[in-house]
Amino acid sequence: MTLRAHIKAFGLISVFLTTASAVMARDVTVFAAASLRGALDEIAATHPDDITVSYAGSGLIARQVAQGAPADVVVLAHPNWMDWLDERAQLISQSRTNVATNALVVIAHIDAPAAGTMPLATWLKPKKIAMGQRDAVPAGIYAKQWLETVGLWGDLQPNLVETDNVRLALALVARGDVPAGITYRSDAMSEPRVQIIHQIEPETHTPIQYPAAAITDAGRMFVTYLASPDAQAIFKSHGFAPRNSE
């Protein structure tokens, strides 16, 4: 082969590799539950696609995607919202998988006196309590179930400060605006200005699951990656528990 032919062949290979690289590295938009911030950012940074993550409450995300918001992937904090969305986007049922689980905790500001030997109900009753909105925000739905199960809903309902997502409830406690809150364990671990006062028993509410689903073909690889050992290790490092199969 002549030098000219070698150069031409090398040029064709270079073009092929550049084109292949461009095809492999896709832009993927992920709409994710607010409580996944931090963990999902780290996971996205390890994926070969260009991942953009937008965070909000699960109910808001489900409604936005149902109305046509341009998401490739959704990751929600409650299976009920994914069920609701599944009725409106048929691709979801084909790619849906649980990617993490979590636990509920009661938190207070890091400088606040702990409950000590005081019964939790006694410690909570005089306090405002931040939590997600009871009917729409998954953390709020789980928190209401817990309060009802342990018989505290009637007493504490007037004290509740309900927010549009669980990270806003976390922020209220971290800033000292509200003395107590009910959040996920992963939220408490992400914020050095709060302390965990009580680990809520998992049998007092429905299991906390994070279902993920691809809305477009571009999002399928990332949904698969979320269940991989590498991604699961990152979830664990942020306080999430291993995923459960459907």
Protein backbone atom coordinates (compact mmCIF):
# COMPACT_ATOMS: atom_id res chain seq x y z
CA MET A 1 0.00 0.00 0.00
CA THR A 2 1.37 3.41 -0.92
CA LEU A 3 1.89 6.19 1.61
CA ARG A 4 -1.07 8.07 0.09
CA ALA A 5 -3.27 4.98 0.60
CA HIS A 6 -2.08 4.62 4.21
CA ILE A 7 -2.92 8.26 4.92
CA LYS A 8 -6.35 7.89 3.31
CA ALA A 9 -7.08 4.72 5.30
CA PHE A 10 -5.95 6.36 8.55
CA GLY A 11 -8.19 9.32 7.81
CA LEU A 12 -11.19 7.07 7.27
CA ILE A 13 -10.47 5.23 10.55
CA SER A 14 -10.20 8.54 12.41
CA VAL A 15 -13.51 9.71 11.00
CA PHE A 16 -15.12 6.40 11.95
CA LEU A 17 -13.79 6.55 15.52
CA THR A 18 -14.87 10.16 15.94
CA THR A 19 -18.33 9.37 14.62
CA ALA A 20 -18.62 6.26 16.79
CA SER A 21 -17.59 8.25 19.85
CA ALA A 22 -20.19 10.89 19.10
CA VAL A 23 -22.86 8.22 18.75
CA MET A 24 -21.86 6.49 22.00
CA ALA A 25 -21.79 9.65 24.12
CA ARG A 26 -25.41 10.77 24.21
CA ASP A 27 -27.14 13.61 26.00
CA VAL A 28 -29.51 12.11 28.57
CA THR A 29 -31.89 14.16 30.71
CA VAL A 30 -32.94 12.67 34.03
CA PHE A 31 -35.81 13.93 36.19
CA ALA A 32 -35.22 12.66 39.71
CA ALA A 33 -36.69 12.86 43.20
CA ALA A 34 -35.09 15.59 45.30
CA SER A 35 -33.82 13.12 47.91
CA LEU A 36 -31.49 11.59 45.30
CA ARG A 37 -29.42 14.76 44.95
CA GLY A 38 -25.78 14.04 45.67
CA ALA A 39 -25.91 10.29 45.10
CA LEU A 40 -27.32 10.62 41.59
CA ASP A 41 -24.93 13.46 40.75
CA GLU A 42 -22.02 11.18 41.60
CA ILE A 43 -23.47 8.27 39.64
CA ALA A 44 -24.11 10.48 36.61
CA ALA A 45 -20.49 11.65 36.65
CA THR A 46 -19.28 8.04 36.26
CA HIS A 47 -21.48 7.26 33.25
CA PRO A 48 -20.13 7.64 29.68
CA ASP A 49 -23.22 9.54 28.48
CA ASP A 50 -23.63 13.24 29.18
CA ILE A 51 -26.18 13.14 31.99
CA THR A 52 -28.16 16.21 33.06
CA VAL A 53 -30.21 15.73 36.24
CA SER A 54 -33.14 17.92 37.25
CA TYR A 55 -34.47 17.47 40.81
CA ALA A 56 -37.96 18.06 42.18
CA GLY A 57 -40.71 16.34 44.13
CA SER A 58 -41.87 13.02 42.66
CA GLY A 59 -45.45 14.19 42.16
CA LEU A 60 -44.33 17.29 40.29
CA ILE A 61 -41.99 15.25 38.11
CA ALA A 62 -44.70 12.71 37.25
CA ARG A 63 -47.12 15.46 36.25
CA GLN A 64 -44.48 17.28 34.17
CA VAL A 65 -43.47 14.15 32.28
CA ALA A 66 -47.12 13.21 31.69
CA GLN A 67 -47.58 16.65 30.12
CA GLY A 68 -44.63 16.11 27.78
CA ALA A 69 -41.58 17.44 29.64
CA PRO A 70 -38.43 16.30 27.77
CA ALA A 71 -37.10 13.63 30.13
CA ASP A 72 -35.22 10.52 29.00
CA VAL A 73 -35.29 8.95 32.47
CA VAL A 74 -37.41 9.40 35.58
CA VAL A 75 -36.40 8.24 39.06
CA LEU A 76 -39.11 8.69 41.67
CA ALA A 77 -39.33 8.09 45.42
CA HIS A 78 -42.63 6.23 45.50
CA PRO A 79 -43.99 3.39 43.31
CA ASN A 80 -47.48 4.94 43.34
CA TRP A 81 -46.30 7.95 41.36
CA MET A 82 -44.56 5.65 38.88
CA ASP A 83 -47.77 3.61 38.57
CA TRP A 84 -49.65 6.85 37.86
CA LEU A 85 -47.13 7.84 35.21
CA ASP A 86 -47.05 4.33 33.76
CA GLU A 87 -50.66 4.73 32.73
CA ARG A 88 -49.68 7.74 30.63
CA ALA A 89 -46.31 6.67 29.13
CA GLN A 90 -46.28 3.12 27.82
CA LEU A 91 -42.47 2.79 27.59
CA ILE A 92 -42.19 2.87 31.38
CA SER A 93 -43.51 -0.63 32.02
CA GLN A 94 -40.86 -2.06 29.70
CA SER A 95 -37.88 -0.51 31.48
CA ARG A 96 -39.04 0.03 35.06
CA THR A 97 -36.77 -1.18 37.85
CA ASN A 98 -36.20 -0.37 41.52
CA VAL A 99 -32.76 1.17 42.02
CA ALA A 100 -32.60 1.89 45.78
CA THR A 101 -34.45 1.79 49.08
CA ASN A 102 -34.29 4.10 52.10
CA ALA A 103 -35.37 4.59 55.70
CA LEU A 104 -37.19 7.35 57.58
CA VAL A 105 -35.65 9.23 60.51
CA VAL A 106 -36.61 12.03 62.87
CA ILE A 107 -34.04 14.83 62.83
CA ALA A 108 -33.19 17.97 64.77
CA HIS A 109 -30.58 20.69 64.42
CA ILE A 110 -27.09 19.52 65.37
CA ASP A 111 -27.02 21.91 68.36
CA ALA A 112 -30.45 20.95 69.68
CA PRO A 113 -30.71 18.85 72.86
CA ALA A 114 -31.38 15.23 71.99
CA ALA A 115 -34.42 13.39 73.27
CA GLY A 116 -32.27 11.35 75.65
CA THR A 117 -34.44 9.03 77.74
CA MET A 118 -37.55 11.13 77.06
CA PRO A 119 -40.26 9.30 75.07
CA LEU A 120 -40.22 10.41 71.45
CA ALA A 121 -43.87 11.52 71.56
CA THR A 122 -43.13 13.76 74.57
CA TRP A 123 -40.13 15.27 72.79
CA LEU A 124 -42.09 15.93 69.59
CA LYS A 125 -45.42 17.24 70.88
CA PRO A 126 -44.44 20.86 71.62
CA LYS A 127 -42.43 21.23 68.39
CA LYS A 128 -43.07 22.27 64.82
CA ILE A 129 -42.13 19.36 62.55
CA ALA A 130 -41.02 19.76 58.93
CA MET A 131 -41.92 17.00 56.48
CA GLY A 132 -42.94 16.51 52.87
CA GLN A 133 -46.51 17.27 51.87
CA ARG A 134 -48.63 14.37 53.16
CA ASP A 135 -50.60 13.65 49.98
CA ALA A 136 -48.04 14.20 47.22
CA VAL A 137 -44.43 14.06 48.47
CA PRO A 138 -43.32 10.45 49.04
CA ALA A 139 -41.42 11.22 52.26
CA GLY A 140 -44.55 12.93 53.56
CA ILE A 141 -46.73 9.99 52.57
CA TYR A 142 -44.44 7.59 54.43
CA ALA A 143 -44.22 9.96 57.42
CA LYS A 144 -48.00 10.17 57.70
CA GLN A 145 -48.23 6.36 57.62
CA TRP A 146 -45.72 6.16 60.48
CA LEU A 147 -47.49 8.79 62.58
CA GLU A 148 -50.81 7.03 62.09
CA THR A 149 -49.34 3.62 62.92
CA VAL A 150 -47.81 4.81 66.21
CA GLY A 151 -50.89 6.85 67.13
CA LEU A 152 -49.33 10.31 66.89
CA TRP A 153 -51.08 11.68 63.80
CA GLY A 154 -53.95 13.32 65.67
CA ASP A 155 -51.69 14.99 68.23
CA LEU A 156 -48.97 16.17 65.84
CA GLN A 157 -50.95 17.12 62.74
CA PRO A 158 -51.39 20.77 63.89
CA ASN A 159 -47.60 21.02 64.31
CA LEU A 160 -46.68 19.96 60.78
CA VAL A 161 -44.83 22.25 58.39
CA GLU A 162 -45.32 20.56 55.01
CA THR A 163 -42.99 21.21 52.07
CA ASP A 164 -42.96 20.57 48.32
CA ASN A 165 -40.09 18.08 48.63
CA VAL A 166 -38.15 16.42 51.42
CA ARG A 167 -34.96 18.44 50.86
CA LEU A 168 -36.88 21.61 51.72
CA ALA A 169 -37.94 20.00 55.01
CA LEU A 170 -34.29 19.11 55.64
CA ALA A 171 -33.23 22.70 54.93
CA LEU A 172 -35.74 24.12 57.42
CA VAL A 173 -34.24 22.01 60.21
CA ALA A 174 -30.64 22.62 59.10
CA ARG A 175 -31.16 26.39 59.22
CA GLY A 176 -32.85 26.18 62.61
CA ASP A 177 -36.16 27.52 61.25
CA VAL A 178 -38.03 24.42 62.47
CA PRO A 179 -36.84 22.37 65.49
CA ALA A 180 -37.64 18.88 64.14
CA GLY A 181 -38.22 17.09 60.87
CA ILE A 182 -39.02 13.74 59.30
CA THR A 183 -36.74 12.92 56.38
CA TYR A 184 -34.97 10.02 54.77
CA ARG A 185 -31.82 8.66 56.39
CA SER A 186 -29.87 9.62 53.26
CA ASP A 187 -31.01 13.24 53.67
CA ALA A 188 -29.77 13.36 57.26
CA MET A 189 -26.41 11.91 56.22
CA SER A 190 -26.01 14.59 53.55
CA GLU A 191 -26.46 17.52 55.96
CA PRO A 192 -23.87 18.08 58.74
CA ARG A 193 -26.10 20.63 60.50
CA VAL A 194 -28.66 18.02 61.57
CA GLN A 195 -28.64 15.02 63.89
CA ILE A 196 -30.77 11.89 63.85
CA ILE A 197 -33.02 11.73 66.91
CA HIS A 198 -34.91 8.56 66.07
CA GLN A 199 -34.67 5.76 63.52
CA ILE A 200 -38.23 5.05 62.39
CA GLU A 201 -39.19 1.40 62.34
CA PRO A 202 -39.61 0.20 58.71
CA GLU A 203 -42.65 -1.92 59.54
CA THR A 204 -44.63 1.23 60.44
CA HIS A 205 -44.93 2.35 56.79
CA THR A 206 -44.86 0.86 53.31
CA PRO A 207 -41.38 0.05 51.96
CA ILE A 208 -39.49 3.07 50.61
CA GLN A 209 -38.55 2.26 47.04
CA TYR A 210 -37.03 4.32 44.24
CA PRO A 211 -38.34 3.09 40.87
CA ALA A 212 -36.56 4.27 37.73
CA ALA A 213 -37.80 4.07 34.15
CA ALA A 214 -36.67 5.11 30.70
CA ILE A 215 -39.04 7.38 28.82
CA THR A 216 -36.94 7.28 25.64
CA ASP A 217 -34.50 4.83 24.08
CA ALA A 218 -31.66 7.22 24.97
CA GLY A 219 -32.37 6.67 28.66
CA ARG A 220 -32.35 2.88 28.72
CA MET A 221 -28.61 2.45 29.26
CA PHE A 222 -28.63 4.80 32.23
CA VAL A 223 -31.55 2.98 33.89
CA THR A 224 -29.63 -0.28 33.51
CA TYR A 225 -26.53 1.37 34.95
CA LEU A 226 -28.42 2.51 38.06
CA ALA A 227 -28.86 -1.15 39.04
CA SER A 228 -25.19 -2.01 38.44
CA PRO A 229 -22.76 -2.81 41.30
CA ASP A 230 -20.85 0.46 40.76
CA ALA A 231 -23.99 2.59 41.00
CA GLN A 232 -25.31 0.58 43.93
CA ALA A 233 -22.06 1.17 45.83
CA ILE A 234 -22.51 4.93 45.36
CA PHE A 235 -26.10 4.78 46.57
CA LYS A 236 -24.93 2.90 49.67
CA SER A 237 -22.21 5.47 50.41
CA HIS A 238 -24.92 8.16 50.51
CA GLY A 239 -27.10 6.30 53.01
CA PHE A 240 -29.43 4.43 50.69
CA ALA A 241 -30.08 0.72 51.12
CA PRO A 242 -29.78 -1.92 48.39
CA ARG A 243 -32.50 -2.01 45.79
CA ASN A 244 -35.32 -4.54 45.98
CA SER A 245 -36.50 -6.42 42.93
CA GLU A 246 -40.05 -5.74 41.80
